[in-house]
């Protein structure tokens, strides 16, 4: 097995563990929004985020959260509907000629900073 394949598998494994723990991916937006804007419990938001992304990304993690009572299927379906449309608009915006990769990195950094500060310093 080549070094590149091993590296890719390790990256996927680490990302999968983080996704199962924190609902990241789309959850980098969904989970903080559900917790900070909707007042949802962190574990409940994580389970809901995984279910919204269920095929194929989060199905096993979502099952664990469902079995432990930390998932709302209705909310996950509604979020998935928003994801469908939102991903289209996000991709259309990000691929405009006036949006550089450097600007995207900065926008994402600001987003993560604001969410991190909110988690650390505010309820």
Protein backbone atom coordinates (compact mmCIF):
# COMPACT_ATOMS: atom_id res chain seq x y z
CA UNK A 1 0.00 0.00 0.00
CA UNK A 2 1.41 3.39 -0.99
CA UNK A 3 2.20 6.15 1.51
CA UNK A 4 -0.37 8.38 -0.18
CA UNK A 5 -3.14 5.81 0.31
CA UNK A 6 -2.22 5.35 3.98
CA UNK A 7 -2.19 9.13 4.51
CA UNK A 8 -5.60 9.49 2.87
CA UNK A 9 -7.03 6.66 4.99
CA UNK A 10 -5.66 8.23 8.20
CA UNK A 11 -7.07 11.64 7.22
CA UNK A 12 -10.47 10.00 6.61
CA UNK A 13 -10.30 8.15 9.93
CA UNK A 14 -9.41 11.26 11.94
CA UNK A 15 -12.10 13.30 10.14
CA UNK A 16 -14.64 10.54 10.79
CA UNK A 17 -13.81 10.44 14.50
CA UNK A 18 -14.15 14.24 14.75
CA UNK A 19 -17.41 14.08 12.77
CA UNK A 20 -18.81 11.44 15.10
CA UNK A 21 -17.77 13.41 18.17
CA UNK A 22 -18.70 16.92 17.13
CA UNK A 23 -20.91 16.64 14.06
CA UNK A 24 -18.43 18.64 12.00
CA UNK A 25 -18.49 18.99 8.25
CA UNK A 26 -21.78 20.65 7.56
CA UNK A 27 -21.99 20.55 11.32
CA UNK A 28 -19.40 23.29 11.56
CA UNK A 29 -22.34 25.48 10.68
CA UNK A 30 -25.35 23.41 11.74
CA UNK A 31 -24.29 22.39 15.22
CA UNK A 32 -23.31 25.88 16.42
CA UNK A 33 -26.46 27.31 14.86
CA UNK A 34 -28.69 24.76 16.60
CA UNK A 35 -26.91 25.25 19.95
CA UNK A 36 -26.37 29.02 19.90
CA UNK A 37 -29.37 30.21 17.91
CA UNK A 38 -31.96 27.58 18.81
CA UNK A 39 -30.81 26.68 22.31
CA UNK A 40 -30.59 22.98 21.48
CA UNK A 41 -28.50 20.67 23.68
CA UNK A 42 -24.99 20.08 22.25
CA UNK A 43 -25.35 16.29 21.98
CA UNK A 44 -28.85 16.62 20.55
CA UNK A 45 -27.56 19.08 17.94
CA UNK A 46 -24.67 16.77 17.05
CA UNK A 47 -26.99 13.79 16.60
CA UNK A 48 -29.38 15.87 14.52
CA UNK A 49 -26.53 17.16 12.36
CA UNK A 50 -25.31 13.63 11.68
CA UNK A 51 -28.79 12.49 10.73
CA UNK A 52 -29.14 15.44 8.33
CA UNK A 53 -26.01 14.20 6.56
CA UNK A 54 -26.95 10.57 7.04
CA UNK A 55 -26.26 9.11 3.62
CA UNK A 56 -23.55 8.00 3.62
CA UNK A 57 -21.54 10.15 6.00
CA UNK A 58 -23.13 9.90 9.43
CA UNK A 59 -25.41 6.87 9.41
CA UNK A 60 -23.51 4.83 12.01
CA UNK A 61 -22.90 7.83 14.26
CA UNK A 62 -26.53 8.92 13.89
CA UNK A 63 -27.72 5.46 14.97
CA UNK A 64 -25.65 5.73 18.16
CA UNK A 65 -27.07 9.18 18.92
CA UNK A 66 -30.64 7.96 18.18
CA UNK A 67 -30.24 4.98 20.52
CA UNK A 68 -29.15 7.36 23.27
CA UNK A 69 -32.08 9.74 22.69
CA UNK A 70 -29.93 12.54 21.25
CA UNK A 71 -31.44 12.97 17.79
CA UNK A 72 -34.55 14.61 16.37
CA UNK A 73 -35.34 13.04 12.98
CA UNK A 74 -37.83 15.76 11.99
CA UNK A 75 -35.27 18.49 12.63
CA UNK A 76 -32.64 16.52 10.72
CA UNK A 77 -34.93 16.17 7.68
CA UNK A 78 -35.71 19.89 7.72
CA UNK A 79 -32.02 20.76 7.99
CA UNK A 80 -31.26 18.35 5.13
CA UNK A 81 -33.78 20.19 2.93
CA UNK A 82 -32.05 23.48 3.74
CA UNK A 83 -28.68 21.88 3.05
CA UNK A 84 -29.79 20.85 -0.41
CA UNK A 85 -30.65 24.41 -1.42
CA UNK A 86 -27.96 26.08 0.70
CA UNK A 87 -25.17 23.99 -0.77
CA UNK A 88 -26.21 25.07 -4.25
CA UNK A 89 -26.18 28.77 -3.32
CA UNK A 90 -22.94 28.40 -1.35
CA UNK A 91 -21.22 26.69 -4.27
CA UNK A 92 -22.51 29.27 -6.73
CA UNK A 93 -21.22 32.11 -4.52
CA UNK A 94 -17.84 30.51 -3.76
CA UNK A 95 -17.18 29.92 -7.45
CA UNK A 96 -17.71 33.52 -8.57
CA UNK A 97 -14.64 35.00 -10.30
CA UNK A 98 -14.33 37.73 -7.65
CA UNK A 99 -14.14 35.20 -4.78
CA UNK A 100 -10.54 34.00 -4.42
CA UNK A 101 -9.34 31.00 -2.43
CA UNK A 102 -7.52 33.43 -0.15
CA UNK A 103 -10.77 35.31 0.57
CA UNK A 104 -12.56 32.01 1.25
CA UNK A 105 -9.87 31.04 3.77
CA UNK A 106 -10.25 34.39 5.52
CA UNK A 107 -14.06 34.20 5.59
CA UNK A 108 -13.92 30.68 7.02
CA UNK A 109 -11.35 31.74 9.62
CA UNK A 110 -13.52 34.65 10.74
CA UNK A 111 -16.53 32.35 10.94
CA UNK A 112 -14.67 29.81 13.09
CA UNK A 113 -13.24 32.56 15.31
CA UNK A 114 -16.68 34.08 15.95
CA UNK A 115 -18.24 30.69 16.71
CA UNK A 116 -15.28 29.74 18.94
CA UNK A 117 -15.49 33.00 20.88
CA UNK A 118 -19.23 32.56 21.32
CA UNK A 119 -18.77 29.03 22.66
CA UNK A 120 -15.99 30.11 25.02
CA UNK A 121 -17.30 33.39 26.37
CA UNK A 122 -21.08 33.56 25.93
CA UNK A 123 -24.02 31.26 26.55
